[in-house]
Amino acid sequence: MVATMTDGRLIDWIIGLVGLEALLVLGWRLASGRGPSPVAFIGNLVAGAFLLLAVRGALTGASPAIIALCLGASCVAHVVDLAGRWSEGSPSAIASAAAINTTLSLRVKPSRIRPAPPAQNDEASHG
């Protein structure tokens, strides 16, 4: 088990699962029209895959230049991911926040809110 973890085979399997995830999620988006934005989603997965490649390189004794290259590519993919989320999410995020506030305000009806009973005087009760 330890040999599988240190020789990079486990990382290879995880990268394969990331690829399978990409196919399934993008296939779902193509079929249903629902799901994450393809640009942001791919950017996110590619950033993670390059991080995994950097870990694999560190485990298997790759040169520091290769590891640095993987980390740099991960950073670029992460910026693409953020740019895709930032440009798409801003106006709709404000609209959905307003919808949430409206929904929450409709749940609490003022007629159901009762004022607290008046405080009683302690001297009168101890008499």
Protein backbone atom coordinates (compact mmCIF):
# COMPACT_ATOMS: atom_id res chain seq x y z
CA MET A 1 0.00 0.00 0.00
CA VAL A 2 2.80 2.43 0.90
CA ALA A 3 4.56 1.65 -2.38
CA THR A 4 1.39 2.50 -4.33
CA MET A 5 1.21 5.85 -2.59
CA THR A 6 4.86 6.78 -3.02
CA ASP A 7 5.42 5.70 -6.62
CA GLY A 8 2.69 7.94 -8.04
CA ARG A 9 0.21 5.26 -9.11
CA LEU A 10 -2.39 6.50 -6.63
CA ILE A 11 -2.08 10.01 -8.06
CA ASP A 12 -2.52 8.56 -11.56
CA TRP A 13 -5.79 6.95 -10.44
CA ILE A 14 -7.00 10.18 -8.88
CA ILE A 15 -6.19 12.12 -12.06
CA GLY A 16 -8.15 9.49 -13.99
CA LEU A 17 -11.12 10.04 -11.68
CA VAL A 18 -10.85 13.79 -12.23
CA GLY A 19 -11.01 13.16 -15.99
CA LEU A 20 -14.04 10.91 -15.53
CA GLU A 21 -15.68 13.60 -13.41
CA ALA A 22 -15.08 16.13 -16.20
CA LEU A 23 -16.70 13.86 -18.77
CA LEU A 24 -19.72 13.14 -16.58
CA VAL A 25 -20.38 16.72 -15.51
CA LEU A 26 -19.86 18.19 -18.98
CA GLY A 27 -21.99 15.42 -20.49
CA TRP A 28 -24.73 16.24 -17.98
CA ARG A 29 -24.46 19.93 -18.92
CA LEU A 30 -24.67 19.10 -22.62
CA ALA A 31 -27.69 16.85 -22.13
CA SER A 32 -29.66 18.95 -19.63
CA GLY A 33 -28.35 22.48 -20.00
CA ARG A 34 -27.82 22.60 -16.23
CA GLY A 35 -24.66 22.53 -14.22
CA PRO A 36 -21.55 24.63 -13.77
CA SER A 37 -20.14 26.91 -16.42
CA PRO A 38 -17.81 24.81 -18.61
CA VAL A 39 -14.98 27.40 -18.57
CA ALA A 40 -14.96 27.79 -14.79
CA PHE A 41 -15.44 24.05 -14.25
CA ILE A 42 -12.62 23.06 -16.57
CA GLY A 43 -10.39 25.75 -15.04
CA ASN A 44 -11.09 24.33 -11.59
CA LEU A 45 -10.39 20.73 -12.63
CA VAL A 46 -7.23 21.64 -14.53
CA ALA A 47 -5.92 23.60 -11.53
CA GLY A 48 -6.51 20.57 -9.32
CA ALA A 49 -4.98 18.20 -11.86
CA PHE A 50 -1.80 20.28 -12.06
CA LEU A 51 -1.58 20.31 -8.27
CA LEU A 52 -1.88 16.52 -8.34
CA LEU A 53 0.86 16.36 -10.98
CA ALA A 54 3.08 18.51 -8.75
CA VAL A 55 2.50 16.10 -5.85
CA ARG A 56 3.19 13.15 -8.14
CA GLY A 57 6.41 14.80 -9.26
CA ALA A 58 7.48 15.40 -5.68
CA LEU A 59 6.73 11.78 -4.76
CA THR A 60 8.57 10.31 -7.72
CA GLY A 61 11.65 12.54 -7.61
CA ALA A 62 10.92 14.84 -10.54
CA SER A 63 13.11 17.88 -10.99
CA PRO A 64 12.16 21.03 -9.10
CA ALA A 65 11.66 22.77 -12.46
CA ILE A 66 8.93 20.28 -13.45
CA ILE A 67 7.22 20.67 -10.07
CA ALA A 68 7.41 24.48 -10.37
CA LEU A 69 6.00 24.30 -13.89
CA CYS A 70 3.05 22.24 -12.65
CA LEU A 71 2.44 24.71 -9.82
CA GLY A 72 2.61 27.65 -12.23
CA ALA A 73 0.17 25.98 -14.62
CA SER A 74 -2.14 25.33 -11.68
CA CYS A 75 -2.02 29.02 -10.80
CA VAL A 76 -2.90 30.03 -14.38
CA ALA A 77 -5.82 27.58 -14.44
CA HIS A 78 -6.99 28.89 -11.07
CA VAL A 79 -6.99 32.47 -12.42
CA VAL A 80 -9.04 31.29 -15.43
CA ASP A 81 -11.45 29.60 -13.01
CA LEU A 82 -11.81 32.78 -10.95
CA ALA A 83 -12.24 34.96 -14.05
CA GLY A 84 -15.02 32.67 -15.29
CA ARG A 85 -16.81 32.76 -11.97
CA TRP A 86 -16.29 36.48 -11.43
CA SER A 87 -17.71 37.66 -14.75
CA GLU A 88 -20.67 35.29 -14.69
CA GLY A 89 -21.57 35.48 -11.03
CA SER A 90 -21.65 39.17 -10.17
CA PRO A 91 -25.07 40.37 -11.42
CA SER A 92 -26.86 37.10 -10.72
CA ALA A 93 -25.32 36.84 -7.26
CA ILE A 94 -26.81 40.22 -6.37
CA ALA A 95 -30.18 39.18 -7.78
CA SER A 96 -30.19 35.88 -5.91
CA ALA A 97 -29.18 37.62 -2.67
CA ALA A 98 -32.12 39.98 -3.12
CA ALA A 99 -34.40 37.01 -3.76
CA ILE A 100 -33.18 35.33 -0.59
CA ASN A 101 -33.82 38.48 1.45
CA THR A 102 -37.30 38.78 -0.01
CA THR A 103 -38.05 35.12 0.66
CA LEU A 104 -36.84 35.37 4.24
CA SER A 105 -38.81 38.53 4.88
CA LEU A 106 -41.99 36.86 3.63
CA ARG A 107 -41.61 33.99 6.09
CA VAL A 108 -41.87 36.16 9.20
CA LYS A 109 -45.29 37.76 9.35
CA PRO A 110 -45.59 40.82 11.57
CA SER A 111 -48.95 39.60 12.90
CA ARG A 112 -47.19 36.60 14.48
CA ILE A 113 -44.68 38.72 16.37
CA ARG A 114 -45.93 39.51 19.86
CA PRO A 115 -44.38 42.07 22.13
CA ALA A 116 -42.74 40.83 25.29
CA PRO A 117 -44.85 41.13 28.44
CA PRO A 118 -44.11 44.22 30.52
CA ALA A 119 -41.43 43.78 33.15
CA GLN A 120 -42.79 43.49 36.67
CA ASN A 121 -41.47 45.58 39.48
CA ASP A 122 -39.38 43.47 41.89
CA GLU A 123 -40.35 45.59 44.96
CA ALA A 124 -44.05 45.00 44.41
CA SER A 125 -43.63 41.24 44.27
CA HIS A 126 -41.50 41.06 47.45
CA GLY A 127 -43.91 43.26 49.37
